Amino acid sequence: MKVYIEYAFLENFLLDGLLLFLALRIARGRIRVWRLLLAAAFGAGEAVGFPLLALPVWGVWLVKILGGVLLCVIAVSGKRIRTYLGVTAAFFACTFALGGLLTAAYSFFGVEYEEGGGFLVERAPVALVFALAGIFAVAVAEGARRFYRFGKISRKLLPCVFAENGKTVRLTALADSGNLLEFRGRGVCVCSAAAIFAIFGRNAKEVGRIRINTASGGRDSPVFECEMRVGGGPPQPALLAVGEVRSKRYSLILHTDYAEANRETFIHTQNVAE
């Protein structure tokens, strides 16, 4: 089998760089380009020189594992051991996941497998390798983004209890939204129409109207008043306005007065965008 060192180096350099980049994104480590390139070059050099070593099976695995750990150490910037461990775990997870994806693709396309030596590089189309690696990278990056966004929102959700007309309604609220709406000097929480109906029923009585500006435009919205208890706190009067709450996880967006337990003064109505 003929192997061109420069091609093998470039292919491994790009794949190692991609995997390290994904590992840093997943572990939320700081990405320094020069460190990333240095680590990828080291990994590519290791991959090119590795076939020249005559090692037993346990030695092969040991060198590969230690080499992967060293790649992560080179790529990570910072002094926190947690970051190094996180990047290393993410790198190995991504490596095995991409390897499994490539193995499945090679099997599907009938690429030959050399026992003990892995797939023959010259029989595996480079375009196929990088196309699958690109799809894998996009999927992993988007998955990590959604995961952290889900966790960030989850930490800001609070249970709210509303008392009106002798009935109690429990809803979930978003506690950190940047909602700065004011009505007659008081903070206003933005609720979905369904939440307003659940609290007040058909006999809801307005106490006024407020202008709400959103990403899709502005409109005048009715304002209602009721008693609200946030996160197990004491009952307090609250103003609610119908607005756009496009989430299945919460029904209202708390004003910062309730979310941050402090009072601020604003001259004009702020925008609320979700």
Protein backbone atom coordinates (compact mmCIF):
# COMPACT_ATOMS: atom_id res chain seq x y z
CA MET A 1 0.00 0.00 0.00
CA LYS A 2 1.36 3.40 -1.01
CA VAL A 3 0.84 6.27 1.45
CA TYR A 4 1.67 9.90 0.70
CA ILE A 5 2.93 11.42 3.92
CA GLU A 6 1.90 14.98 3.09
CA TYR A 7 -1.70 13.90 2.35
CA ALA A 8 -1.89 11.77 5.48
CA PHE A 9 -0.49 14.63 7.55
CA LEU A 10 -2.96 17.16 6.12
CA GLU A 11 -5.95 14.86 6.59
CA ASN A 12 -5.10 14.08 10.20
CA PHE A 13 -4.24 17.72 10.87
CA LEU A 14 -7.70 18.84 9.74
CA LEU A 15 -9.54 16.07 11.56
CA ASP A 16 -7.62 16.56 14.81
CA GLY A 17 -8.16 20.31 14.60
CA LEU A 18 -11.88 19.79 14.07
CA LEU A 19 -12.19 17.36 16.99
CA LEU A 20 -10.22 19.64 19.30
CA PHE A 21 -12.32 22.62 18.29
CA LEU A 22 -15.52 20.68 19.08
CA ALA A 23 -14.07 19.49 22.40
CA LEU A 24 -13.25 23.06 23.40
CA ARG A 25 -16.74 24.22 22.44
CA ILE A 26 -18.40 21.41 24.38
CA ALA A 27 -16.27 21.97 27.49
CA ARG A 28 -16.58 25.74 27.10
CA GLY A 29 -12.83 26.19 27.04
CA ARG A 30 -11.09 29.23 25.61
CA ILE A 31 -10.14 28.77 21.98
CA ARG A 32 -6.68 30.05 21.08
CA VAL A 33 -5.95 29.51 17.39
CA TRP A 34 -2.21 29.04 17.78
CA ARG A 35 -2.70 26.39 20.46
CA LEU A 36 -5.32 24.64 18.37
CA LEU A 37 -3.04 24.59 15.31
CA LEU A 38 -0.06 23.40 17.36
CA ALA A 39 -2.07 20.56 18.90
CA ALA A 40 -3.48 19.55 15.50
CA ALA A 41 0.02 19.52 14.00
CA PHE A 42 1.28 17.37 16.86
CA GLY A 43 -1.60 14.95 16.37
CA ALA A 44 -0.99 14.77 12.64
CA GLY A 45 2.71 14.11 13.18
CA GLU A 46 1.88 11.39 15.67
CA ALA A 47 -0.52 9.76 13.20
CA VAL A 48 2.09 9.78 10.41
CA GLY A 49 4.90 8.43 12.60
CA PHE A 50 2.83 5.92 14.54
CA PRO A 51 2.87 3.16 11.85
CA LEU A 52 6.68 3.14 12.04
CA LEU A 53 6.57 1.89 15.64
CA ALA A 54 6.48 -1.83 16.38
CA LEU A 55 4.35 -2.06 19.53
CA PRO A 56 2.26 -4.75 21.19
CA VAL A 57 -1.52 -4.25 21.35
CA TRP A 58 -1.43 -2.75 24.84
CA GLY A 59 1.37 -0.42 23.77
CA VAL A 60 -0.65 0.78 20.79
CA TRP A 61 -3.61 1.69 23.00
CA LEU A 62 -1.37 3.32 25.59
CA VAL A 63 0.35 5.53 23.00
CA LYS A 64 -2.96 6.53 21.42
CA ILE A 65 -4.54 7.44 24.75
CA LEU A 66 -1.52 9.35 26.01
CA GLY A 67 -1.21 11.09 22.64
CA GLY A 68 -4.85 12.18 22.81
CA VAL A 69 -4.39 13.51 26.33
CA LEU A 70 -1.28 15.45 25.25
CA LEU A 71 -3.21 16.98 22.34
CA CYS A 72 -5.81 18.31 24.77
CA VAL A 73 -3.15 19.64 27.13
CA ILE A 74 -1.58 21.58 24.26
CA ALA A 75 -4.92 22.93 23.00
CA VAL A 76 -6.31 24.07 26.36
CA SER A 77 -5.50 27.54 27.65
CA GLY A 78 -5.91 28.20 31.37
CA LYS A 79 -5.07 26.85 34.80
CA ARG A 80 -8.32 25.13 35.76
CA ILE A 81 -7.94 21.35 35.92
CA ARG A 82 -11.68 21.05 35.33
CA THR A 83 -11.26 22.56 31.86
CA TYR A 84 -8.48 20.12 30.96
CA LEU A 85 -10.55 17.16 32.12
CA GLY A 86 -13.65 18.40 30.32
CA VAL A 87 -11.85 18.99 27.02
CA THR A 88 -10.11 15.61 27.24
CA ALA A 89 -13.37 13.75 27.91
CA ALA A 90 -15.12 15.63 25.10
CA PHE A 91 -12.22 14.99 22.69
CA PHE A 92 -12.26 11.24 23.25
CA ALA A 93 -16.07 11.15 23.07
CA CYS A 94 -16.06 13.03 19.76
CA THR A 95 -13.21 10.88 18.43
CA PHE A 96 -15.07 7.64 19.15
CA ALA A 97 -18.35 9.06 17.84
CA LEU A 98 -16.80 10.24 14.58
CA GLY A 99 -14.91 6.97 14.27
CA GLY A 100 -18.16 5.06 14.65
CA LEU A 101 -19.84 7.24 12.03
CA LEU A 102 -16.99 6.71 9.57
CA THR A 103 -16.98 2.96 10.27
CA ALA A 104 -20.69 2.76 9.49
CA ALA A 105 -20.25 4.82 6.32
CA TYR A 106 -17.29 2.74 5.15
CA SER A 107 -19.28 -0.42 5.71
CA PHE A 108 -22.23 1.00 3.78
CA PHE A 109 -20.08 2.07 0.83
CA GLY A 110 -18.06 -1.17 0.86
CA VAL A 111 -14.68 0.32 1.74
CA GLU A 112 -12.19 -2.47 2.45
CA TYR A 113 -10.99 -3.08 6.00
CA GLU A 114 -7.50 -4.30 6.75
CA GLU A 115 -7.51 -6.47 9.88
CA GLY A 116 -5.49 -4.83 12.62
CA GLY A 117 -4.58 -1.85 10.49
CA GLY A 118 -7.82 0.00 10.08
CA PHE A 119 -9.40 1.09 6.83
CA LEU A 120 -7.15 1.54 3.85
CA VAL A 121 -6.70 5.27 3.49
CA GLU A 122 -6.29 5.12 -0.28
CA ARG A 123 -9.60 3.26 -0.66
CA ALA A 124 -11.62 5.73 1.43
CA PRO A 125 -12.63 8.80 -0.62
CA VAL A 126 -11.34 11.94 1.05
CA ALA A 127 -14.52 13.77 0.07
CA LEU A 128 -16.58 11.19 1.98
CA VAL A 129 -14.41 11.53 5.09
CA PHE A 130 -14.62 15.30 5.23
CA ALA A 131 -18.27 15.44 4.24
CA LEU A 132 -19.18 13.18 7.16
CA ALA A 133 -16.80 15.06 9.45
CA GLY A 134 -18.46 18.34 8.46
CA ILE A 135 -21.95 17.00 9.11
CA PHE A 136 -20.76 15.58 12.43
CA ALA A 137 -19.21 18.91 13.44
CA VAL A 138 -22.37 20.89 12.66
CA ALA A 139 -24.54 18.40 14.55
CA VAL A 140 -22.28 18.35 17.62
CA ALA A 141 -21.87 22.14 17.73
CA GLU A 142 -25.62 22.70 17.42
CA GLY A 143 -26.32 20.03 20.03
CA ALA A 144 -23.91 21.66 22.47
CA ARG A 145 -25.49 25.07 21.86
CA ARG A 146 -28.98 23.76 22.50
CA PHE A 147 -27.86 21.84 25.58
CA TYR A 148 -26.29 24.88 27.22
CA ARG A 149 -29.22 27.08 26.25
CA PHE A 150 -31.61 24.55 27.79
CA GLY A 151 -29.59 24.50 31.01
CA LYS A 152 -29.31 28.29 31.11
CA ILE A 153 -33.07 28.72 30.80
CA SER A 154 -33.78 25.93 33.29
CA ARG A 155 -31.81 27.76 35.98
CA LYS A 156 -33.99 30.84 35.43
CA LEU A 157 -37.40 29.19 35.70
CA LEU A 158 -39.44 29.84 38.82
CA PRO A 159 -42.84 28.49 39.94
CA CYS A 160 -45.49 31.18 40.41
CA VAL A 161 -48.82 30.91 42.21
CA PHE A 162 -51.69 33.26 41.36
CA ALA A 163 -54.76 33.83 43.52
CA GLU A 164 -57.84 35.36 41.87
CA ASN A 165 -61.57 35.02 42.54
CA GLY A 166 -61.05 32.32 45.13
CA LYS A 167 -59.02 30.03 42.85
CA THR A 168 -55.32 29.22 42.68
CA VAL A 169 -53.35 28.87 39.44
CA ARG A 170 -49.76 27.60 39.24
CA LEU A 171 -47.60 28.60 36.29
CA THR A 172 -43.90 28.62 35.40
CA ALA A 173 -42.14 31.96 34.82
CA LEU A 174 -38.85 33.02 33.27
CA ALA A 175 -36.98 34.99 35.92
CA ASP A 176 -34.24 36.71 33.92
CA SER A 177 -35.52 38.19 30.71
CA GLY A 178 -34.62 41.86 30.56
CA ASN A 179 -38.32 42.72 30.91
CA LEU A 180 -38.37 46.37 32.01
CA LEU A 181 -41.98 47.26 31.21
CA GLU A 182 -43.49 49.87 33.52
CA PHE A 183 -47.13 50.86 34.12
CA ARG A 184 -47.82 53.76 36.48
CA GLY A 185 -44.45 53.25 38.12
CA ARG A 186 -44.88 49.52 38.67
CA GLY A 187 -43.28 46.59 36.91
CA VAL A 188 -45.40 44.55 34.49
CA CYS A 189 -45.03 40.83 33.83
CA VAL A 190 -45.69 39.64 30.28
CA CYS A 191 -48.03 36.62 30.02
CA SER A 192 -49.41 34.51 27.25
CA ALA A 193 -53.10 34.88 26.45
CA ALA A 194 -53.69 31.33 27.70
CA ALA A 195 -52.08 32.19 31.07
CA ILE A 196 -54.27 35.31 31.45
CA PHE A 197 -57.37 33.24 30.70
CA ALA A 198 -56.29 30.53 33.20
CA ILE A 199 -55.89 33.16 35.95
CA PHE A 200 -58.87 35.47 35.32
CA GLY A 201 -61.25 33.38 33.23
CA ARG A 202 -63.85 35.20 31.11
CA ASN A 203 -64.39 37.96 33.68
CA ALA A 204 -60.98 39.62 33.45
CA LYS A 205 -61.11 43.36 34.11
CA GLU A 206 -58.49 45.70 32.73
CA VAL A 207 -56.78 48.28 34.93
CA GLY A 208 -55.33 50.03 31.89
CA ARG A 209 -53.39 49.46 28.68
CA ILE A 210 -49.68 49.47 27.88
CA ARG A 211 -47.63 49.64 24.70
CA ILE A 212 -45.47 46.53 24.18
CA ASN A 213 -42.79 46.57 21.52
CA THR A 214 -41.52 43.18 20.34
CA ALA A 215 -39.27 41.91 17.57
CA SER A 216 -42.35 41.50 15.34
CA GLY A 217 -43.77 44.98 16.02
CA GLY A 218 -45.63 46.91 18.68
CA ARG A 219 -49.18 46.80 20.01
CA ASP A 220 -51.35 48.06 22.85
CA SER A 221 -52.04 45.36 25.43
CA PRO A 222 -54.49 45.24 28.36
CA VAL A 223 -53.06 45.22 31.88
CA PHE A 224 -54.57 43.12 34.69
CA GLU A 225 -53.87 42.97 38.41
CA CYS A 226 -53.87 40.00 40.78
CA GLU A 227 -52.01 38.50 43.72
CA MET A 228 -48.84 36.57 42.86
CA ARG A 229 -46.36 34.48 44.86
CA VAL A 230 -42.98 33.87 43.20
CA GLY A 231 -40.83 30.86 44.06
CA GLY A 232 -42.40 30.24 47.45
CA GLY A 233 -42.11 33.89 48.49
CA PRO A 234 -44.83 36.00 50.15
CA PRO A 235 -47.96 37.06 48.24
CA GLN A 236 -47.68 40.42 46.50
CA PRO A 237 -49.80 42.42 44.05
CA ALA A 238 -48.67 42.03 40.45
CA LEU A 239 -49.51 43.58 37.10
CA LEU A 240 -49.84 41.27 34.09
CA ALA A 241 -50.04 42.17 30.40
CA VAL A 242 -50.79 39.98 27.40
CA GLY A 243 -47.73 39.61 25.19
CA GLU A 244 -45.75 37.18 23.04
CA VAL A 245 -44.40 34.31 25.13
CA ARG A 246 -43.19 31.77 22.59
CA SER A 247 -42.15 28.92 24.80
CA LYS A 248 -43.70 25.69 26.00
CA ARG A 249 -41.55 25.75 29.14
CA TYR A 250 -42.91 28.92 30.72
CA SER A 251 -46.08 31.01 30.49
CA LEU A 252 -44.91 34.42 31.65
CA ILE A 253 -41.85 36.65 31.73
CA LEU A 254 -41.26 38.27 35.09
CA HIS A 255 -40.38 41.93 35.43
CA THR A 256 -36.93 42.55 36.91
CA ASP A 257 -38.58 43.84 40.10
CA TYR A 258 -39.75 40.30 40.81
CA ALA A 259 -36.83 38.44 39.22
CA GLU A 260 -34.02 40.40 40.86
CA ALA A 261 -35.83 41.71 43.97
CA ASN A 262 -34.71 45.29 43.35
CA ARG A 263 -36.39 48.49 42.21
CA GLU A 264 -35.24 50.55 39.25
CA THR A 265 -36.77 53.58 37.54
CA PHE A 266 -37.13 53.89 33.78
CA ILE A 267 -38.38 56.93 31.93
CA HIS A 268 -39.83 55.07 28.98
CA THR A 269 -41.16 51.63 28.20
CA GLN A 270 -38.46 49.19 27.19
CA ASN A 271 -38.73 46.55 24.49
CA VAL A 272 -39.52 42.98 25.33
CA ALA A 273 -38.26 40.49 22.75
CA GLU A 274 -38.32 36.74 22.94
